[in-house]
Amino acid sequence: MVTKSSSDLARADSLAREIFSDVANKWALLIIEALGERTLRFGELRGEVEGISHKMLTQNLRMLERNGLLLRDVHPTVPPRVEYTLTAAGQGLRKTVDGMCDWTQRYLGHIEASRRRFDG
């Protein structure tokens, strides 16, 4: 049951703030964007998300799975084959991530110019 206190981002103890903190990090956003509508293995994801370490990818995949945003499918082979796919909730978040990517592309020049003025 969702209560006002559990969904209030302004409250330090709210579940909404915890979830927001989980998913609003660069690695989680990049993983969500990399998965898109595809199913990828760990190594494929690591190749798609440039600069992510094995440890950070593992931590973020576990967090996204815990929050119900992706499915982890383990195939009983030797060695085990593990695949990751976004859930419906993950796809919903991906729409927001896509909007953030669009915003970044649209305002990149503006932000670069502002940084030059500020730093100059």
Protein backbone atom coordinates (compact mmCIF):
# COMPACT_ATOMS: atom_id res chain seq x y z
CA MET A 1 0.00 0.00 0.00
CA VAL A 2 1.41 3.39 -1.02
CA THR A 3 1.00 6.04 1.64
CA LYS A 4 1.59 9.77 1.37
CA SER A 5 4.76 9.45 3.42
CA SER A 6 6.20 6.61 1.31
CA SER A 7 5.62 8.50 -1.95
CA ASP A 8 6.75 11.97 -0.81
CA LEU A 9 10.17 12.86 -2.29
CA ALA A 10 10.51 15.68 0.24
CA ARG A 11 10.57 13.23 3.16
CA ALA A 12 14.01 11.84 4.00
CA ASP A 13 12.54 8.48 4.98
CA SER A 14 10.29 8.01 1.93
CA LEU A 15 10.51 4.98 -0.33
CA ALA A 16 10.11 7.31 -3.31
CA ARG A 17 13.31 9.13 -2.39
CA GLU A 18 15.14 5.81 -1.99
CA ILE A 19 13.96 4.64 -5.41
CA PHE A 20 14.81 7.99 -6.98
CA SER A 21 18.29 7.82 -5.47
CA ASP A 22 18.74 4.29 -6.83
CA VAL A 23 17.76 5.01 -10.42
CA ALA A 24 18.99 8.60 -10.77
CA ASN A 25 22.64 7.70 -11.16
CA LYS A 26 24.59 7.82 -14.39
CA TRP A 27 25.24 4.08 -14.55
CA ALA A 28 21.62 3.05 -14.03
CA LEU A 29 20.44 5.53 -16.65
CA LEU A 30 23.08 4.35 -19.13
CA ILE A 31 22.22 0.69 -18.50
CA ILE A 32 18.52 1.38 -19.06
CA GLU A 33 19.30 3.24 -22.28
CA ALA A 34 21.66 0.48 -23.47
CA LEU A 35 19.08 -2.25 -22.88
CA GLY A 36 16.31 -0.39 -24.66
CA GLU A 37 14.00 -3.06 -26.07
CA ARG A 38 16.79 -5.62 -26.35
CA THR A 39 17.97 -8.51 -24.24
CA LEU A 40 21.70 -8.38 -23.53
CA ARG A 41 24.24 -10.50 -21.72
CA PHE A 42 26.55 -9.06 -19.06
CA GLY A 43 29.53 -8.73 -21.40
CA GLU A 44 27.39 -7.10 -24.09
CA LEU A 45 26.07 -4.57 -21.58
CA ARG A 46 29.58 -3.82 -20.37
CA GLY A 47 30.59 -3.16 -23.97
CA GLU A 48 27.60 -0.85 -24.50
CA VAL A 49 28.21 1.22 -21.34
CA GLU A 50 31.69 2.60 -21.91
CA GLY A 51 33.75 3.13 -18.77
CA ILE A 52 31.68 1.04 -16.37
CA SER A 53 33.61 -1.37 -14.19
CA HIS A 54 32.59 -4.98 -13.63
CA LYS A 55 31.73 -4.13 -10.01
CA MET A 56 29.59 -1.09 -10.87
CA LEU A 57 27.72 -2.97 -13.58
CA THR A 58 27.02 -5.84 -11.17
CA GLN A 59 25.83 -3.47 -8.42
CA ASN A 60 23.56 -1.53 -10.73
CA LEU A 61 22.08 -4.63 -12.37
CA ARG A 62 21.26 -6.03 -8.92
CA MET A 63 19.68 -2.73 -7.86
CA LEU A 64 17.61 -2.52 -11.05
CA GLU A 65 16.49 -6.13 -10.61
CA ARG A 66 15.61 -5.53 -6.94
CA ASN A 67 13.48 -2.55 -7.94
CA GLY A 68 11.67 -4.60 -10.60
CA LEU A 69 13.08 -2.66 -13.53
CA LEU A 70 14.84 -5.53 -15.24
CA LEU A 71 14.62 -9.28 -15.44
CA ARG A 72 17.69 -11.47 -14.99
CA ASP A 73 17.33 -14.75 -16.85
CA VAL A 74 19.89 -17.46 -16.05
CA HIS A 75 20.18 -20.26 -18.61
CA PRO A 76 21.45 -23.59 -17.20
CA THR A 77 24.51 -23.96 -19.42
CA VAL A 78 28.20 -24.31 -18.66
CA PRO A 79 29.25 -21.61 -18.15
CA PRO A 80 25.87 -20.13 -17.18
CA ARG A 81 24.42 -17.68 -19.70
CA VAL A 82 22.74 -14.71 -18.02
CA GLU A 83 20.58 -12.26 -19.95
CA TYR A 84 19.00 -8.96 -18.91
CA THR A 85 15.78 -7.40 -20.22
CA LEU A 86 13.81 -4.37 -19.06
CA THR A 87 10.42 -5.05 -17.45
CA ALA A 88 7.33 -2.96 -18.23
CA ALA A 89 8.31 -0.66 -15.34
CA GLY A 90 11.84 -0.42 -16.74
CA GLN A 91 10.44 0.45 -20.17
CA GLY A 92 8.34 3.15 -18.53
CA LEU A 93 11.45 4.62 -16.92
CA ARG A 94 13.26 4.33 -20.24
CA LYS A 95 10.80 6.83 -21.74
CA THR A 96 11.94 9.33 -19.12
CA VAL A 97 15.59 8.49 -19.80
CA ASP A 98 15.00 8.99 -23.54
CA GLY A 99 13.54 12.42 -22.75
CA MET A 100 16.63 13.28 -20.70
CA CYS A 101 18.86 12.17 -23.58
CA ASP A 102 16.86 14.34 -25.99
CA TRP A 103 17.11 17.29 -23.59
CA THR A 104 20.88 16.80 -23.32
CA GLN A 105 21.28 16.81 -27.10
CA ARG A 106 19.05 19.86 -27.48
CA TYR A 107 20.84 21.98 -24.86
CA LEU A 108 24.41 20.66 -25.13
CA GLY A 109 25.66 23.74 -27.01
CA HIS A 110 23.93 26.07 -24.55
CA ILE A 111 25.47 24.26 -21.57
CA GLU A 112 28.95 24.21 -23.13
CA ALA A 113 28.76 27.97 -23.78
CA SER A 114 27.51 28.62 -20.26
CA ARG A 115 30.36 26.58 -18.77
CA ARG A 116 32.93 28.49 -20.83
CA ARG A 117 31.50 31.82 -19.62
CA PHE A 118 31.38 30.65 -16.01
CA ASP A 119 34.87 29.10 -16.03
CA GLY A 120 36.42 31.96 -18.03
